[in-house]
């Protein structure tokens, strides 16, 4: 059933005349009659009957008009609820990498709990490939992802990505390692050509960065260890298992030194990704805009974990 036909039935119930209905909705009497005839065929019952020179609703027509009032009101409420600028409410499903969730999303969830009590955020921790797969399967509404300037994500026309923050990354090495200040990234990498290398276990972007810079330094890195946790990467470096990329803002273990990288630099770029056509949904628009406005200088807090 089309709601416009239900609206015509409601107006006929209220006004009692097809001519008056036509005047109210801005159409012709014949159009009103035709549309009500289509509605009657859809329902399989007579909705109107002659009443002298006029028409009146049959008992079935009056009953459908009662239903129509509820249906049209619900449709209007849904339109207002989902319209851009409406009060955000409902459940927003977010899948994102741990740093984005911990440092950027969770503070917003806490803040919005009192400002938008009808909005609920469902959080799932996932690395970008996992989050994007959930988005493609319509199992999440927002994916918080990242790539690197040296390992850019290929454009996907089916999604819309909003740039969030950027963060410089360096190379985590043993604290006693001899690395000259101001050395270019390929020179820094060349110092560790004989070391084992640690990369992410659930995403290949940082491995691409490692291989790119190692290639510029003239060697192929021996990638041996994989870990998703940055604390675990530091623990591995402390244990002498190798070296690996770390965010410059990360508080380091006592036995770990973080060497800045330049010429070229390494920069993580965070994104909020949603399916095309859904960006205007109020809960999604609110969270995306708030994330985009967050201070990119947010840093981890608390004591440095022990080695």
Protein backbone atom coordinates (compact mmCIF):
# COMPACT_ATOMS: atom_id res chain seq x y z
CA UNK A 1 0.00 0.00 0.00
CA UNK A 2 1.24 3.47 -0.85
CA UNK A 3 0.81 5.97 1.95
CA UNK A 4 -0.43 8.62 -0.47
CA UNK A 5 -3.49 6.47 -1.18
CA UNK A 6 -4.06 5.94 2.51
CA UNK A 7 -3.90 9.72 2.97
CA UNK A 8 -6.63 10.14 0.33
CA UNK A 9 -8.80 7.64 2.19
CA UNK A 10 -8.23 9.50 5.45
CA UNK A 11 -9.22 12.80 3.83
CA UNK A 12 -12.36 11.24 2.35
CA UNK A 13 -13.26 9.90 5.79
CA UNK A 14 -12.83 13.40 7.19
CA UNK A 15 -14.40 15.46 4.39
CA UNK A 16 -16.95 13.07 2.89
CA UNK A 17 -16.50 14.40 -0.66
CA UNK A 18 -14.05 13.44 -3.40
CA UNK A 19 -14.23 16.98 -4.77
CA UNK A 20 -13.18 18.43 -1.43
CA UNK A 21 -10.44 15.84 -1.10
CA UNK A 22 -9.15 16.83 -4.55
CA UNK A 23 -9.11 20.51 -3.56
CA UNK A 24 -7.25 19.81 -0.32
CA UNK A 25 -4.50 17.69 -1.90
CA UNK A 26 -4.24 19.73 -5.09
CA UNK A 27 -5.37 17.19 -7.70
CA UNK A 28 -8.49 16.27 -9.67
CA UNK A 29 -11.57 14.38 -8.55
CA UNK A 30 -10.95 11.70 -11.19
CA UNK A 31 -7.43 11.14 -9.82
CA UNK A 32 -8.77 10.74 -6.29
CA UNK A 33 -11.37 8.24 -7.53
CA UNK A 34 -8.76 6.31 -9.54
CA UNK A 35 -6.30 6.08 -6.64
CA UNK A 36 -8.97 4.92 -4.21
CA UNK A 37 -10.01 2.29 -6.75
CA UNK A 38 -6.41 1.02 -6.88
CA UNK A 39 -6.34 0.88 -3.07
CA UNK A 40 -9.57 -1.12 -3.04
CA UNK A 41 -8.13 -3.64 -5.51
CA UNK A 42 -4.96 -3.95 -3.40
CA UNK A 43 -7.06 -4.68 -0.30
CA UNK A 44 -9.53 -6.93 -2.11
CA UNK A 45 -12.59 -5.20 -0.61
CA UNK A 46 -14.92 -2.31 -1.52
CA UNK A 47 -13.90 0.84 0.32
CA UNK A 48 -16.55 3.27 -0.93
CA UNK A 49 -20.16 3.04 -2.03
CA UNK A 50 -22.63 5.47 -3.63
CA UNK A 51 -24.59 7.76 -1.32
CA UNK A 52 -26.89 9.76 -3.58
CA UNK A 53 -24.68 12.07 -5.61
CA UNK A 54 -21.85 11.57 -3.16
CA UNK A 55 -19.96 8.56 -1.86
CA UNK A 56 -19.37 7.22 1.60
CA UNK A 57 -16.99 4.73 3.14
CA UNK A 58 -18.08 1.14 3.54
CA UNK A 59 -17.51 -0.50 6.96
CA UNK A 60 -14.27 -1.92 5.52
CA UNK A 61 -13.32 1.56 4.28
CA UNK A 62 -13.93 3.08 7.72
CA UNK A 63 -11.83 0.38 9.34
CA UNK A 64 -8.98 0.87 6.87
CA UNK A 65 -9.16 4.63 7.47
CA UNK A 66 -8.59 3.95 11.19
CA UNK A 67 -5.55 1.81 10.34
CA UNK A 68 -4.39 4.48 7.88
CA UNK A 69 -4.28 7.11 10.61
CA UNK A 70 -1.89 4.91 12.60
CA UNK A 71 0.19 3.90 9.56
CA UNK A 72 0.59 7.44 8.22
CA UNK A 73 1.49 8.75 11.68
CA UNK A 74 4.14 6.04 12.04
CA UNK A 75 5.58 6.83 8.61
CA UNK A 76 5.72 10.52 9.46
CA UNK A 77 7.37 9.78 12.80
CA UNK A 78 9.96 7.62 11.02
CA UNK A 79 10.61 10.38 8.49
CA UNK A 80 11.16 12.94 11.24
CA UNK A 81 13.23 10.47 13.24
CA UNK A 82 15.59 9.76 10.35
CA UNK A 83 15.68 13.18 8.74
CA UNK A 84 18.95 15.13 8.82
CA UNK A 85 18.95 17.32 11.91
CA UNK A 86 16.65 15.04 13.89
CA UNK A 87 17.48 14.08 17.47
CA UNK A 88 19.89 11.11 17.21
CA UNK A 89 18.43 7.95 18.65
CA UNK A 90 18.61 4.22 18.13
CA UNK A 91 21.59 1.87 18.05
CA UNK A 92 24.75 2.77 16.17
CA UNK A 93 27.09 -0.17 15.51
CA UNK A 94 30.76 0.79 15.42
CA UNK A 95 33.69 -1.47 14.51
CA UNK A 96 37.12 0.03 14.95
CA UNK A 97 40.74 -0.48 15.86
CA UNK A 98 41.65 -0.42 19.54
CA UNK A 99 43.41 2.97 19.68
CA UNK A 100 40.53 4.75 17.95
CA UNK A 101 37.98 3.11 20.23
CA UNK A 102 39.90 3.69 23.46
CA UNK A 103 41.17 7.24 22.90
CA UNK A 104 38.51 8.77 20.69
CA UNK A 105 35.23 6.84 20.67
CA UNK A 106 34.82 5.86 24.33
CA UNK A 107 35.15 9.45 25.63
CA UNK A 108 32.35 10.43 23.24
CA UNK A 109 30.16 7.54 24.40
CA UNK A 110 30.55 8.67 28.00
CA UNK A 111 29.81 12.28 27.07
CA UNK A 112 26.75 11.44 24.96
CA UNK A 113 25.22 9.18 27.62
CA UNK A 114 23.74 12.25 29.31
CA UNK A 115 23.14 14.42 26.22
CA UNK A 116 21.47 11.85 23.96
CA UNK A 117 19.90 9.26 26.22
CA UNK A 118 18.10 7.51 23.33
CA UNK A 119 21.32 6.90 21.42
CA UNK A 120 23.15 3.64 22.09
CA UNK A 121 26.58 2.84 20.68
CA UNK A 122 27.51 -0.82 20.17
CA UNK A 123 31.30 -1.21 20.02
CA UNK A 124 33.32 -4.03 18.42
CA UNK A 125 37.12 -3.97 18.30
CA UNK A 126 38.43 -4.88 14.84
CA UNK A 127 41.40 -4.10 12.63
CA UNK A 128 40.54 -2.28 9.35
CA UNK A 129 40.15 -5.32 7.06
CA UNK A 130 37.77 -6.92 9.56
CA UNK A 131 35.81 -3.70 10.13
CA UNK A 132 35.43 -3.06 6.40
CA UNK A 133 34.23 -6.63 5.85
CA UNK A 134 31.55 -6.08 8.52
CA UNK A 135 30.57 -2.82 6.83
CA UNK A 136 30.23 -4.55 3.45
CA UNK A 137 28.04 -7.23 5.05
CA UNK A 138 25.90 -4.53 6.72
CA UNK A 139 26.85 -5.88 10.14
CA UNK A 140 28.16 -2.51 11.31
CA UNK A 141 27.21 1.09 10.57
CA UNK A 142 30.57 2.78 11.04
CA UNK A 143 34.10 1.45 10.55
CA UNK A 144 37.04 3.23 12.18
CA UNK A 145 40.01 2.35 10.01
CA UNK A 146 43.52 3.50 9.26
CA UNK A 147 46.16 3.35 6.58
CA UNK A 148 49.62 4.89 6.19
CA UNK A 149 50.92 7.54 3.84
CA UNK A 150 53.35 4.87 2.53
CA UNK A 151 50.60 2.23 2.31
CA UNK A 152 47.43 4.05 1.20
CA UNK A 153 44.11 2.22 1.14
CA UNK A 154 42.68 1.77 -2.37
CA UNK A 155 39.53 3.89 -2.97
CA UNK A 156 36.22 2.03 -2.70
CA UNK A 157 33.27 3.73 -4.48
CA UNK A 158 30.76 1.83 -2.32
CA UNK A 159 31.79 3.67 0.87
CA UNK A 160 32.34 7.22 2.07
CA UNK A 161 35.46 7.90 4.15
CA UNK A 162 35.79 10.91 6.45
CA UNK A 163 39.36 11.88 7.36
CA UNK A 164 39.87 11.99 11.12
CA UNK A 165 43.33 12.43 12.63
CA UNK A 166 46.91 11.65 11.68
CA UNK A 167 49.72 10.39 13.89
CA UNK A 168 53.47 10.07 13.23
CA UNK A 169 55.07 6.67 13.69
CA UNK A 170 58.67 5.72 14.41
CA UNK A 171 60.77 2.62 14.78
CA UNK A 172 60.89 0.87 18.15
CA UNK A 173 64.37 -0.49 18.82
CA UNK A 174 66.34 -1.63 21.88
CA UNK A 175 67.29 1.32 24.08
CA UNK A 176 71.01 0.55 23.68
CA UNK A 177 70.86 0.57 19.86
CA UNK A 178 73.24 2.97 18.13
CA UNK A 179 71.20 5.19 15.82
CA UNK A 180 72.50 8.67 14.91
CA UNK A 181 70.17 11.61 15.53
CA UNK A 182 68.49 12.99 12.43
CA UNK A 183 69.20 9.97 10.22
CA UNK A 184 66.83 9.48 7.29
CA UNK A 185 64.38 6.59 7.51
CA UNK A 186 66.22 4.33 5.03
CA UNK A 187 69.46 4.85 6.98
CA UNK A 188 67.69 3.99 10.24
CA UNK A 189 66.27 0.82 8.68
CA UNK A 190 69.65 -0.16 7.26
CA UNK A 191 71.03 -0.29 10.80
CA UNK A 192 68.65 -3.16 11.54
CA UNK A 193 68.89 -5.14 8.30
CA UNK A 194 70.08 -8.22 10.23
CA UNK A 195 67.37 -7.98 12.89
CA UNK A 196 64.06 -9.83 12.98
CA UNK A 197 61.08 -7.57 12.32
CA UNK A 198 57.73 -7.45 14.14
CA UNK A 199 54.53 -6.53 12.26
CA UNK A 200 50.79 -6.54 12.89
CA UNK A 201 49.10 -9.94 13.03
CA UNK A 202 45.70 -8.72 11.73
CA UNK A 203 46.55 -6.04 9.17
CA UNK A 204 49.18 -5.80 6.44
CA UNK A 205 49.51 -2.01 6.20
CA UNK A 206 52.48 -1.64 8.57
CA UNK A 207 54.18 -4.63 6.91
CA UNK A 208 53.89 -2.76 3.61
CA UNK A 209 55.53 0.28 5.23
CA UNK A 210 58.34 -1.87 6.64
CA UNK A 211 58.97 -3.54 3.28
CA UNK A 212 58.85 -0.19 1.44
CA UNK A 213 61.44 1.49 3.69
CA UNK A 214 63.61 -1.63 3.79
CA UNK A 215 63.57 -1.70 -0.01
CA UNK A 216 64.72 1.92 -0.05
CA UNK A 217 67.55 0.85 2.26
CA UNK A 218 68.50 -1.99 -0.08
CA UNK A 219 67.41 -5.10 1.82
CA UNK A 220 64.48 -7.45 2.36
CA UNK A 221 63.31 -7.47 6.00
CA UNK A 222 63.16 -10.79 7.83
CA UNK A 223 59.61 -10.62 9.18
CA UNK A 224 59.41 -13.22 11.91
CA UNK A 225 57.02 -12.07 14.63
CA UNK A 226 53.46 -10.76 14.43
CA UNK A 227 51.51 -9.07 17.21
CA UNK A 228 48.35 -6.98 17.35
CA UNK A 229 49.06 -5.35 20.74
CA UNK A 230 51.47 -2.41 20.81
CA UNK A 231 52.41 -3.34 24.38
CA UNK A 232 53.27 -6.82 23.16
CA UNK A 233 55.42 -5.36 20.38
CA UNK A 234 57.34 -3.41 23.02
CA UNK A 235 57.63 -6.55 25.12
CA UNK A 236 59.09 -8.41 22.15
CA UNK A 237 61.60 -5.61 21.52
CA UNK A 238 62.54 -5.69 25.21
CA UNK A 239 63.06 -9.47 24.98
CA UNK A 240 65.40 -8.99 22.03
CA UNK A 241 63.07 -10.58 19.48
CA UNK A 242 63.33 -7.78 16.93
CA UNK A 243 62.26 -4.25 16.02
CA UNK A 244 58.95 -2.82 14.84
CA UNK A 245 56.93 0.29 14.10
CA UNK A 246 55.32 2.18 17.00
CA UNK A 247 53.32 5.43 17.32
CA UNK A 248 55.55 8.35 18.31
CA UNK A 249 53.05 9.25 21.05
CA UNK A 250 53.33 5.84 22.72
CA UNK A 251 54.95 5.89 26.19
CA UNK A 252 57.88 3.52 25.82
CA UNK A 253 59.14 0.75 28.07
CA UNK A 254 62.48 1.53 29.75
CA UNK A 255 64.29 -0.92 27.46
CA UNK A 256 62.76 0.50 24.26
CA UNK A 257 63.88 3.51 22.24
CA UNK A 258 61.55 5.11 19.73
CA UNK A 259 63.44 6.49 16.71
CA UNK A 260 61.60 9.15 14.67
CA UNK A 261 61.40 8.52 10.92
CA UNK A 262 61.82 11.18 8.26
CA UNK A 263 62.71 11.47 4.58
CA UNK A 264 60.25 9.86 4.16
CA UNK A 265 58.18 10.17 7.30
CA UNK A 266 55.64 7.54 8.36
CA UNK A 267 52.16 8.77 9.20
CA UNK A 268 49.07 6.82 10.25
CA UNK A 269 45.84 8.27 8.87
CA UNK A 270 42.57 7.44 10.61
CA UNK A 271 39.22 7.37 8.82
CA UNK A 272 35.53 7.02 9.66
CA UNK A 273 33.99 4.90 6.91
CA UNK A 274 30.28 4.44 6.18
CA UNK A 275 28.33 3.00 3.29
CA UNK A 276 27.34 5.44 0.57
CA UNK A 277 23.99 7.13 1.16
CA UNK A 278 23.92 6.61 4.94
CA UNK A 279 26.09 9.51 6.09
CA UNK A 280 23.03 11.71 6.82
CA UNK A 281 21.49 9.29 9.35
CA UNK A 282 21.51 11.41 12.55
CA UNK A 283 23.37 8.97 14.88
CA UNK A 284 25.99 8.29 12.23
CA UNK A 285 26.36 11.95 11.31
CA UNK A 286 26.69 12.97 14.97
CA UNK A 287 29.40 10.45 15.89
CA UNK A 288 31.34 11.02 12.66
CA UNK A 289 31.32 14.79 13.09
CA UNK A 290 32.35 14.59 16.74
CA UNK A 291 35.20 12.23 15.90
CA UNK A 292 36.36 14.54 13.11
CA UNK A 293 36.43 17.48 15.52
CA UNK A 294 38.33 15.71 18.29
CA UNK A 295 41.75 17.02 19.18
CA UNK A 296 44.25 15.03 17.07
CA UNK A 297 46.82 15.57 19.80
CA UNK A 298 45.02 13.21 22.19
CA UNK A 299 47.61 10.98 23.80
CA UNK A 300 47.51 7.83 25.89
CA UNK A 301 47.42 8.46 29.61
CA UNK A 302 48.51 6.47 32.62
CA UNK A 303 51.77 4.87 33.64
CA UNK A 304 54.09 3.19 31.21
CA UNK A 305 53.56 -0.59 31.39
CA UNK A 306 56.45 -2.49 32.92
CA UNK A 307 58.82 -4.40 30.63
